Amino acid sequence: MPTTFQKRQKEMKRLEKQREKAERRAQKKLAKRAENEAPREDDALRENETSTENELTPVQSAPGD
């Protein structure tokens, strides 16, 4: 009978390790998504800043005009 109990313990340990790995994969996936979304927001902010800077910059005319 001890072998049956050992097999059961081994199987439980294997399943727990499998669950932990799945959890780690899910966390990495979420972190990667968040990382990919953050630069998009930064790019949008930079584009807005650039467009407002261009609007505020006065156009200089040539000295001969």
N, C-alpha and C. Protein backbone atom coordinates (compact mmCIF):
# COMPACT_ATOMS: atom_id res chain seq x y z
N MET A 1 0.79 -1.21 0.00
CA MET A 1 0.00 0.00 0.00
C MET A 1 0.83 1.28 0.00
N PRO A 2 1.99 1.31 0.56
CA PRO A 2 2.76 2.56 0.57
C PRO A 2 3.03 3.09 -0.83
N THR A 3 3.17 2.23 -1.79
CA THR A 3 3.45 2.70 -3.15
C THR A 3 2.25 3.46 -3.71
N THR A 4 1.05 3.04 -3.40
CA THR A 4 -0.14 3.73 -3.88
C THR A 4 -0.19 5.14 -3.31
N PHE A 5 0.11 5.27 -2.02
CA PHE A 5 0.12 6.57 -1.38
C PHE A 5 1.22 7.46 -1.99
N GLN A 6 2.37 6.89 -2.24
CA GLN A 6 3.47 7.64 -2.85
C GLN A 6 3.12 8.10 -4.26
N LYS A 7 2.47 7.22 -4.99
CA LYS A 7 2.04 7.60 -6.34
C LYS A 7 1.05 8.76 -6.29
N ARG A 8 0.14 8.68 -5.33
CA ARG A 8 -0.85 9.75 -5.19
C ARG A 8 -0.17 11.07 -4.83
N GLN A 9 0.78 11.02 -3.91
CA GLN A 9 1.51 12.23 -3.52
C GLN A 9 2.28 12.81 -4.71
N LYS A 10 2.88 11.92 -5.47
CA LYS A 10 3.65 12.35 -6.64
C LYS A 10 2.73 13.02 -7.66
N GLU A 11 1.58 12.43 -7.88
CA GLU A 11 0.60 13.00 -8.82
C GLU A 11 0.10 14.36 -8.33
N MET A 12 -0.18 14.48 -7.04
CA MET A 12 -0.64 15.76 -6.49
C MET A 12 0.43 16.84 -6.65
N LYS A 13 1.67 16.47 -6.40
CA LYS A 13 2.77 17.40 -6.55
C LYS A 13 2.91 17.84 -8.02
N ARG A 14 2.76 16.90 -8.93
CA ARG A 14 2.86 17.20 -10.36
C ARG A 14 1.75 18.16 -10.78
N LEU A 15 0.53 17.91 -10.31
CA LEU A 15 -0.59 18.79 -10.65
C LEU A 15 -0.41 20.19 -10.08
N GLU A 16 0.11 20.27 -8.86
CA GLU A 16 0.34 21.58 -8.25
C GLU A 16 1.41 22.35 -9.03
N LYS A 17 2.45 21.67 -9.41
CA LYS A 17 3.50 22.32 -10.19
C LYS A 17 2.96 22.79 -11.54
N GLN A 18 2.10 22.00 -12.14
CA GLN A 18 1.47 22.37 -13.42
C GLN A 18 0.61 23.62 -13.25
N ARG A 19 -0.15 23.69 -12.16
CA ARG A 19 -0.98 24.88 -11.88
C ARG A 19 -0.11 26.12 -11.68
N GLU A 20 0.99 25.96 -10.94
CA GLU A 20 1.89 27.09 -10.69
C GLU A 20 2.50 27.60 -11.99
N LYS A 21 2.88 26.69 -12.86
CA LYS A 21 3.45 27.09 -14.15
C LYS A 21 2.42 27.82 -15.00
N ALA A 22 1.19 27.33 -14.99
CA ALA A 22 0.13 27.99 -15.75
C ALA A 22 -0.12 29.40 -15.21
N GLU A 23 -0.07 29.53 -13.90
CA GLU A 23 -0.27 30.85 -13.28
C GLU A 23 0.86 31.80 -13.66
N ARG A 24 2.09 31.30 -13.64
CA ARG A 24 3.24 32.14 -14.02
C ARG A 24 3.13 32.57 -15.48
N ARG A 25 2.71 31.64 -16.35
CA ARG A 25 2.55 31.98 -17.77
C ARG A 25 1.49 33.06 -17.95
N ALA A 26 0.40 32.95 -17.22
CA ALA A 26 -0.68 33.94 -17.31
C ALA A 26 -0.20 35.31 -16.83
N GLN A 27 0.58 35.32 -15.76
CA GLN A 27 1.11 36.59 -15.25
C GLN A 27 2.06 37.23 -16.25
N LYS A 28 2.91 36.41 -16.87
CA LYS A 28 3.84 36.94 -17.87
C LYS A 28 3.08 37.51 -19.06
N LYS A 29 2.02 36.81 -19.44
CA LYS A 29 1.21 37.26 -20.57
C LYS A 29 0.56 38.61 -20.27
N LEU A 30 0.02 38.76 -19.06
CA LEU A 30 -0.59 40.02 -18.67
C LEU A 30 0.45 41.14 -18.60
N ALA A 31 1.62 40.83 -18.07
CA ALA A 31 2.68 41.84 -17.98
C ALA A 31 3.12 42.27 -19.37
N LYS A 32 3.20 41.32 -20.27
CA LYS A 32 3.60 41.64 -21.64
C LYS A 32 2.55 42.52 -22.32
N ARG A 33 1.28 42.21 -22.09
CA ARG A 33 0.20 43.04 -22.66
C ARG A 33 0.26 44.46 -22.12
N ALA A 34 0.46 44.58 -20.82
CA ALA A 34 0.53 45.91 -20.19
C ALA A 34 1.73 46.68 -20.73
N GLU A 35 2.83 45.97 -20.93
CA GLU A 35 4.04 46.61 -21.45
C GLU A 35 3.81 47.09 -22.88
N ASN A 36 3.10 46.31 -23.66
CA ASN A 36 2.83 46.69 -25.05
C ASN A 36 1.83 47.84 -25.14
N GLU A 37 0.90 47.91 -24.21
CA GLU A 37 -0.10 48.98 -24.23
C GLU A 37 0.47 50.30 -23.75
N ALA A 38 1.37 50.28 -22.80
CA ALA A 38 1.94 51.50 -22.23
C ALA A 38 2.66 52.35 -23.28
N PRO A 39 3.51 51.79 -24.13
CA PRO A 39 4.17 52.63 -25.13
C PRO A 39 3.20 53.28 -26.10
N ARG A 40 2.10 52.63 -26.38
CA ARG A 40 1.12 53.23 -27.29
C ARG A 40 0.57 54.51 -26.69
N GLU A 41 0.32 54.51 -25.40
CA GLU A 41 -0.17 55.71 -24.73
C GLU A 41 0.90 56.79 -24.76
N ASP A 42 2.15 56.41 -24.53
CA ASP A 42 3.25 57.36 -24.57
C ASP A 42 3.40 57.97 -25.96
N ASP A 43 3.28 57.13 -26.99
CA ASP A 43 3.38 57.62 -28.36
C ASP A 43 2.26 58.62 -28.65
N ALA A 44 1.07 58.31 -28.18
CA ALA A 44 -0.07 59.21 -28.41
C ALA A 44 0.17 60.54 -27.72
N LEU A 45 0.71 60.50 -26.52
CA LEU A 45 1.00 61.74 -25.79
C LEU A 45 2.08 62.54 -26.51
N ARG A 46 3.10 61.85 -27.01
CA ARG A 46 4.16 62.55 -27.73
C ARG A 46 3.62 63.19 -28.99
N GLU A 47 2.74 62.50 -29.69
CA GLU A 47 2.15 63.05 -30.92
C GLU A 47 1.34 64.30 -30.59
N ASN A 48 0.59 64.27 -29.51
CA ASN A 48 -0.20 65.43 -29.11
C ASN A 48 0.71 66.60 -28.74
N GLU A 49 1.78 66.32 -28.01
CA GLU A 49 2.71 67.39 -27.63
C GLU A 49 3.36 67.98 -28.87
N THR A 50 3.75 67.15 -29.81
CA THR A 50 4.40 67.62 -31.02
C THR A 50 3.45 68.47 -31.85
N SER A 51 2.22 68.04 -31.98
CA SER A 51 1.27 68.80 -32.78
C SER A 51 0.95 70.15 -32.13
N THR A 52 0.87 70.20 -30.81
CA THR A 52 0.60 71.48 -30.15
C THR A 52 1.82 72.39 -30.22
N GLU A 53 3.01 71.82 -30.16
CA GLU A 53 4.21 72.63 -30.31
C GLU A 53 4.26 73.25 -31.70
N ASN A 54 3.91 72.47 -32.71
CA ASN A 54 3.92 72.99 -34.08
C ASN A 54 2.89 74.10 -34.25
N GLU A 55 1.76 73.97 -33.59
CA GLU A 55 0.71 74.98 -33.70
C GLU A 55 1.13 76.27 -33.01
N LEU A 56 1.89 76.18 -31.95
CA LEU A 56 2.28 77.36 -31.19
C LEU A 56 3.49 78.07 -31.79
N THR A 57 4.26 77.39 -32.60
CA THR A 57 5.45 77.98 -33.18
C THR A 57 5.05 78.94 -34.28
N PRO A 58 5.42 80.23 -34.18
CA PRO A 58 5.06 81.17 -35.22
C PRO A 58 5.84 80.92 -36.50
N VAL A 59 5.19 81.17 -37.61
CA VAL A 59 5.84 80.99 -38.90
C VAL A 59 6.61 82.26 -39.18
N GLN A 60 7.89 82.11 -39.45
CA GLN A 60 8.72 83.28 -39.74
C GLN A 60 8.73 83.54 -41.24
N SER A 61 8.50 84.76 -41.60
CA SER A 61 8.54 85.09 -43.02
C SER A 61 9.95 85.46 -43.41
N ALA A 62 10.24 85.38 -44.70
CA ALA A 62 11.58 85.72 -45.20
C ALA A 62 11.82 87.21 -45.04
N PRO A 63 13.05 87.67 -44.76
CA PRO A 63 13.31 89.08 -44.54
C PRO A 63 13.01 89.94 -45.76
N GLY A 64 13.02 89.42 -46.95
CA GLY A 64 12.75 90.19 -48.15
C GLY A 64 11.27 90.35 -48.44
N ASP A 65 10.40 89.71 -47.72
CA ASP A 65 8.95 89.79 -48.01
C ASP A 65 8.36 91.03 -47.50
